[in-house]
C-alpha cells in the first residue's frame, strides 16, 4: 500500500508539471497570436497608406501630363498660325505689288514651359521673341512693348539693362542686349504690366533681317496666382504709324 501511494503521488507531481508546461505553451501561443493580429493590422494599415500614396502620386502625374498636353496644344495652334502668316507673307500677291518703300514686319514667340516638380509650386516659361523685317525699308528706332498679365503676379527677367546704371556699369554693358526705353519703366511695369525696351547696339532693324529678344524667363508661383498667364508683344518704330502686334501670344494656364 505504501509503495502504491508513493507511486501515485509521483505520478500526480509529474502530470502537474506537464500540465504547467502546456499551460505556459498555450500562454506563449496566445501571446504570439495576439502579436500576429497586431502585426497584420499594422501591415494592412501600411498597405492602405501605400495605396493612397500611390494613388495621389498617379493623380498628380496625370494632372501634370494633362497640363503639359494643354500647353503643347496651345503651342501647336500658335505655331500653325505663325506658319500660315509666314506663308501668306512669302506668297506673291495677285494684285499690285507693294511699294518698295512700305515698312512691313512681324514678330512671334518661341517658348517652352517648365512645369513644377512634385512638391514645388513655381512654373517657369523660357522664351525668345523674333522680329522679322519683311518690308522694303529699314525699321528705325525700334522699340518693343511686352504686355504681361496678370499685373504684379509674374516675374519677367531678360538681358535688359537699367538705363541709369548702364553708362557706369561695365558688367551691364557686356551682359545686356536691350535697355529699358522709358524713364519711369518700373512704374509702368507695376501699374500696367508693360515692359518698354529697345535694343542697345542696333536700334535699326534692317530690311530682310531678324532681331531677337533672347532668353526671357517668366516665373509664376501657383501659391500666389492661379489662372491664365498671357504675354503679348507690340513692335514700334519711328517710321511705323502704329504698333504691330506679335503673331502669337504666350498663354499658360497655371
Protein backbone atom coordinates (compact mmCIF):
# COMPACT_ATOMS: atom_id res chain seq x y z
CA UNK A 1 0.00 0.00 0.00
CA UNK A 2 2.73 2.38 0.97
CA UNK A 3 4.54 1.76 -2.35
CA UNK A 4 1.40 2.33 -4.39
CA UNK A 5 0.67 5.59 -2.60
CA UNK A 6 4.18 6.87 -3.22
CA UNK A 7 3.95 5.93 -6.89
CA UNK A 8 0.61 7.68 -7.27
CA UNK A 9 1.99 10.80 -5.59
CA UNK A 10 4.93 10.81 -8.02
CA UNK A 11 2.57 10.49 -10.97
CA UNK A 12 0.45 13.40 -9.70
CA UNK A 13 3.57 15.57 -9.40
CA UNK A 14 4.67 14.54 -12.92
CA UNK A 15 1.32 15.28 -14.54
CA UNK A 16 1.03 18.62 -12.73
CA UNK A 17 4.46 19.54 -14.10
CA UNK A 18 3.41 18.52 -17.61
CA UNK A 19 0.17 20.46 -17.26
CA UNK A 20 2.12 23.56 -16.22
CA UNK A 21 4.37 23.18 -19.27
CA UNK A 22 1.39 23.01 -21.63
CA UNK A 23 -0.24 25.91 -19.82
CA UNK A 24 2.92 28.01 -20.44
CA UNK A 25 2.99 26.91 -24.08
CA UNK A 26 -0.65 27.88 -24.50
CA UNK A 27 0.05 31.31 -23.00
CA UNK A 28 3.03 31.74 -25.34
CA UNK A 29 0.92 30.73 -28.32
CA UNK A 30 -1.82 33.16 -27.29
CA UNK A 31 0.78 35.92 -26.97
CA UNK A 32 2.21 35.09 -30.41
CA UNK A 33 -1.29 35.00 -31.87
CA UNK A 34 -2.09 38.42 -30.40
CA UNK A 35 1.20 39.78 -31.74
CA UNK A 36 0.41 38.44 -35.22
CA UNK A 37 -3.01 40.08 -35.06
CA UNK A 38 -1.32 43.39 -34.25
CA UNK A 39 1.26 42.81 -37.00
CA UNK A 40 -1.47 42.02 -39.52
CA UNK A 41 -3.40 45.15 -38.56
CA UNK A 42 -0.22 47.24 -38.89
CA UNK A 43 0.62 45.76 -42.31
CA UNK A 44 -2.92 46.34 -43.52
CA UNK A 45 -2.74 49.99 -42.49
CA UNK A 46 0.64 50.32 -44.26
CA UNK A 47 -0.81 48.78 -47.41
CA UNK A 48 -3.72 51.23 -47.29
CA UNK A 49 -1.32 54.15 -46.80
CA UNK A 50 0.86 52.94 -49.68
CA UNK A 51 -2.18 52.61 -51.94
CA UNK A 52 -3.30 56.14 -51.06
CA UNK A 53 0.19 57.49 -51.65
CA UNK A 54 0.49 55.74 -54.99
CA UNK A 55 -2.98 56.93 -55.99
CA UNK A 56 -2.15 60.54 -55.09
CA UNK A 57 1.12 60.28 -56.98
CA UNK A 58 -0.64 58.92 -60.05
CA UNK A 59 -3.31 61.63 -59.83
CA UNK A 60 -0.62 64.33 -59.67
CA UNK A 61 1.28 62.79 -62.56
CA UNK A 62 -1.91 62.59 -64.61
CA UNK A 63 -2.69 66.22 -63.80
CA UNK A 64 0.81 67.30 -64.84
CA UNK A 65 0.57 65.32 -68.06
CA UNK A 66 -2.84 66.82 -68.88
CA UNK A 67 -1.44 70.31 -68.24
CA UNK A 68 1.52 69.54 -70.48
CA UNK A 69 -0.81 68.29 -73.22
CA UNK A 70 -2.83 71.52 -73.00
CA UNK A 71 0.33 73.64 -73.19
CA UNK A 72 1.61 71.70 -76.21
CA UNK A 73 -1.77 72.02 -77.93
CA UNK A 74 -1.66 75.80 -77.40
CA UNK A 75 1.90 75.95 -78.76
CA UNK A 76 0.89 73.84 -81.76
CA UNK A 77 -2.05 76.13 -82.52
CA UNK A 78 0.15 79.21 -82.23
CA UNK A 79 2.87 77.69 -84.44
CA UNK A 80 0.26 76.82 -87.09
CA UNK A 81 -0.98 80.42 -87.01
CA UNK A 82 2.58 81.70 -87.41
CA UNK A 83 3.28 79.37 -90.34
CA UNK A 84 0.08 80.46 -92.07
CA UNK A 85 1.02 84.13 -91.76
CA UNK A 86 4.60 83.48 -92.88
CA UNK A 87 3.39 81.50 -95.89
CA UNK A 88 0.94 84.26 -96.76
CA UNK A 89 3.75 86.80 -96.46
CA UNK A 90 6.03 84.78 -98.74
CA UNK A 91 3.33 84.30 -101.40
CA UNK A 92 3.36 86.75 -104.30
CA UNK A 93 0.04 88.66 -104.32
CA UNK A 94 -2.13 88.71 -107.46
CA UNK A 95 -2.81 92.45 -107.22
CA UNK A 96 -0.43 95.35 -107.43
CA UNK A 97 2.95 94.70 -105.77
CA UNK A 98 3.59 96.61 -102.55
CA UNK A 99 5.65 99.74 -102.67
CA UNK A 100 9.36 99.05 -102.09
CA UNK A 101 9.28 101.87 -99.51
CA UNK A 102 6.49 100.31 -97.41
CA UNK A 103 7.53 99.11 -93.93
CA UNK A 104 6.36 95.62 -93.08
CA UNK A 105 7.28 93.30 -90.20
CA UNK A 106 6.01 90.54 -87.99
CA UNK A 107 7.10 89.05 -84.66
CA UNK A 108 6.45 85.80 -82.85
CA UNK A 109 7.32 83.98 -79.64
CA UNK A 110 9.15 80.70 -79.34
CA UNK A 111 8.69 79.39 -75.83
CA UNK A 112 8.82 76.31 -73.65
CA UNK A 113 7.21 75.62 -70.28
CA UNK A 114 8.91 74.02 -67.30
CA UNK A 115 6.19 72.64 -65.06
CA UNK A 116 6.88 72.45 -61.31
CA UNK A 117 8.12 69.17 -59.91
CA UNK A 118 6.16 67.38 -57.21
CA UNK A 119 6.30 69.45 -54.06
CA UNK A 120 7.20 72.65 -55.95
CA UNK A 121 4.85 75.47 -56.94
CA UNK A 122 6.75 77.66 -59.45
CA UNK A 123 6.17 77.41 -63.20
CA UNK A 124 8.90 78.79 -65.50
CA UNK A 125 8.45 79.87 -69.13
CA UNK A 126 11.57 80.35 -71.24
CA UNK A 127 11.06 82.36 -74.43
CA UNK A 128 12.62 84.23 -77.35
CA UNK A 129 10.84 86.93 -79.33
CA UNK A 130 11.74 87.04 -83.02
CA UNK A 131 11.16 90.26 -85.00
CA UNK A 132 11.36 89.93 -88.81
CA UNK A 133 11.51 92.87 -91.22
CA UNK A 134 9.83 91.77 -94.46
CA UNK A 135 9.35 95.26 -95.91
CA UNK A 136 11.36 97.22 -98.41
CA UNK A 137 12.85 99.67 -95.90
CA UNK A 138 14.66 99.56 -92.59
CA UNK A 139 12.68 99.91 -89.34
CA UNK A 140 14.29 102.81 -87.50
CA UNK A 141 14.41 103.45 -83.72
CA UNK A 142 12.82 100.11 -82.93
CA UNK A 143 11.03 99.90 -79.57
CA UNK A 144 9.34 96.83 -78.14
CA UNK A 145 6.47 96.66 -75.64
CA UNK A 146 5.81 93.41 -73.76
CA UNK A 147 2.44 93.27 -72.04
CA UNK A 148 2.27 90.75 -69.19
CA UNK A 149 -0.93 89.71 -67.45
CA UNK A 150 -1.82 89.35 -64.63
CA UNK A 151 -0.09 92.51 -63.44
CA UNK A 152 2.31 92.10 -60.47
CA UNK A 153 1.87 88.31 -60.39
CA UNK A 154 4.60 87.34 -62.86
CA UNK A 155 8.34 87.86 -62.63
CA UNK A 156 9.97 88.60 -66.02
CA UNK A 157 13.73 88.68 -66.46
CA UNK A 158 15.98 89.02 -69.52
CA UNK A 159 19.19 90.71 -70.63
CA UNK A 160 17.66 94.16 -70.16
CA UNK A 161 19.75 96.93 -68.59
CA UNK A 162 18.73 99.73 -66.27
CA UNK A 163 19.42 102.95 -68.25
CA UNK A 164 20.60 104.81 -65.14
CA UNK A 165 23.19 102.14 -64.33
CA UNK A 166 24.15 101.18 -67.86
CA UNK A 167 26.58 104.02 -68.62
CA UNK A 168 28.69 103.48 -65.49
CA UNK A 169 28.45 99.71 -65.21
CA UNK A 170 30.83 97.76 -67.45
CA UNK A 171 29.24 94.45 -66.47
CA UNK A 172 25.81 95.57 -67.68
CA UNK A 173 27.34 96.82 -70.91
CA UNK A 174 28.76 93.38 -71.60
CA UNK A 175 25.76 91.36 -70.37
CA UNK A 176 22.78 93.32 -71.72
CA UNK A 177 21.46 93.38 -75.29
CA UNK A 178 18.40 95.54 -74.55
CA UNK A 179 17.71 98.54 -72.33
CA UNK A 180 14.54 99.96 -70.81
CA UNK A 181 13.22 102.59 -73.21
CA UNK A 182 11.34 104.90 -70.83
CA UNK A 183 12.44 106.74 -67.71
CA UNK A 184 9.68 105.52 -65.38
CA UNK A 185 9.93 101.90 -66.57
CA UNK A 186 9.47 100.46 -63.06
CA UNK A 187 6.18 102.29 -62.51
CA UNK A 188 4.99 101.24 -65.96
CA UNK A 189 5.62 97.59 -65.09
CA UNK A 190 3.92 97.87 -61.70
CA UNK A 191 0.90 99.85 -62.91
CA UNK A 192 0.27 98.40 -66.39
CA UNK A 193 2.40 95.23 -66.65
CA UNK A 194 4.20 96.77 -69.65
CA UNK A 195 7.92 96.34 -70.34
CA UNK A 196 9.12 99.02 -72.81
CA UNK A 197 12.58 98.15 -74.16
CA UNK A 198 14.83 98.97 -77.08
CA UNK A 199 17.97 97.29 -78.48
CA UNK A 200 21.28 98.71 -77.25
CA UNK A 201 23.66 98.06 -80.11
CA UNK A 202 21.47 98.22 -83.24
CA UNK A 203 18.35 100.37 -82.96
CA UNK A 204 17.56 99.89 -86.66
CA UNK A 205 16.15 96.62 -87.97
CA UNK A 206 17.46 96.30 -91.50
CA UNK A 207 15.18 95.10 -94.29
CA UNK A 208 15.10 91.31 -94.78
CA UNK A 209 16.72 90.76 -91.37
CA UNK A 210 15.72 89.43 -87.96
CA UNK A 211 16.19 90.77 -84.44
CA UNK A 212 15.67 88.73 -81.27
CA UNK A 213 14.99 89.36 -77.63
CA UNK A 214 16.55 86.16 -76.32
CA UNK A 215 16.40 84.28 -73.06
CA UNK A 216 13.32 85.77 -71.43
CA UNK A 217 12.29 83.95 -68.25
CA UNK A 218 8.84 84.29 -66.76
CA UNK A 219 8.18 82.77 -63.37
CA UNK A 220 4.85 82.49 -61.58
CA UNK A 221 4.09 80.79 -58.26
CA UNK A 222 0.74 79.00 -58.13
CA UNK A 223 0.62 79.76 -54.41
CA UNK A 224 0.32 83.42 -55.41
CA UNK A 225 -1.69 83.13 -58.63
CA UNK A 226 -3.84 80.52 -60.35
CA UNK A 227 -5.36 81.26 -63.73
CA UNK A 228 -4.26 82.30 -67.21
CA UNK A 229 -0.91 83.96 -67.81
CA UNK A 230 -0.53 85.87 -71.09
CA UNK A 231 2.33 87.76 -72.72
CA UNK A 232 1.97 89.67 -75.98
CA UNK A 233 4.35 91.93 -77.86
CA UNK A 234 4.00 95.13 -79.87
CA UNK A 235 6.76 96.47 -82.14
CA UNK A 236 7.14 100.18 -82.81
CA UNK A 237 9.47 102.27 -84.98
CA UNK A 238 9.86 105.90 -85.90
CA UNK A 239 8.69 105.11 -89.47
CA UNK A 240 5.77 102.88 -88.42
CA UNK A 241 2.40 104.55 -87.87
CA UNK A 242 1.29 102.25 -85.06
CA UNK A 243 2.50 99.28 -83.04
CA UNK A 244 2.49 95.91 -84.78
CA UNK A 245 1.22 93.08 -82.51
CA UNK A 246 3.01 89.75 -82.39
CA UNK A 247 1.52 86.88 -84.37
CA UNK A 248 1.13 84.75 -81.27
CA UNK A 249 0.98 85.16 -77.51
CA UNK A 250 2.47 83.23 -74.64
CA UNK A 251 -0.54 81.61 -72.97
CA UNK A 252 -0.13 79.40 -69.91
CA UNK A 253 -2.85 78.08 -67.62
CA UNK A 254 -1.49 77.92 -64.07
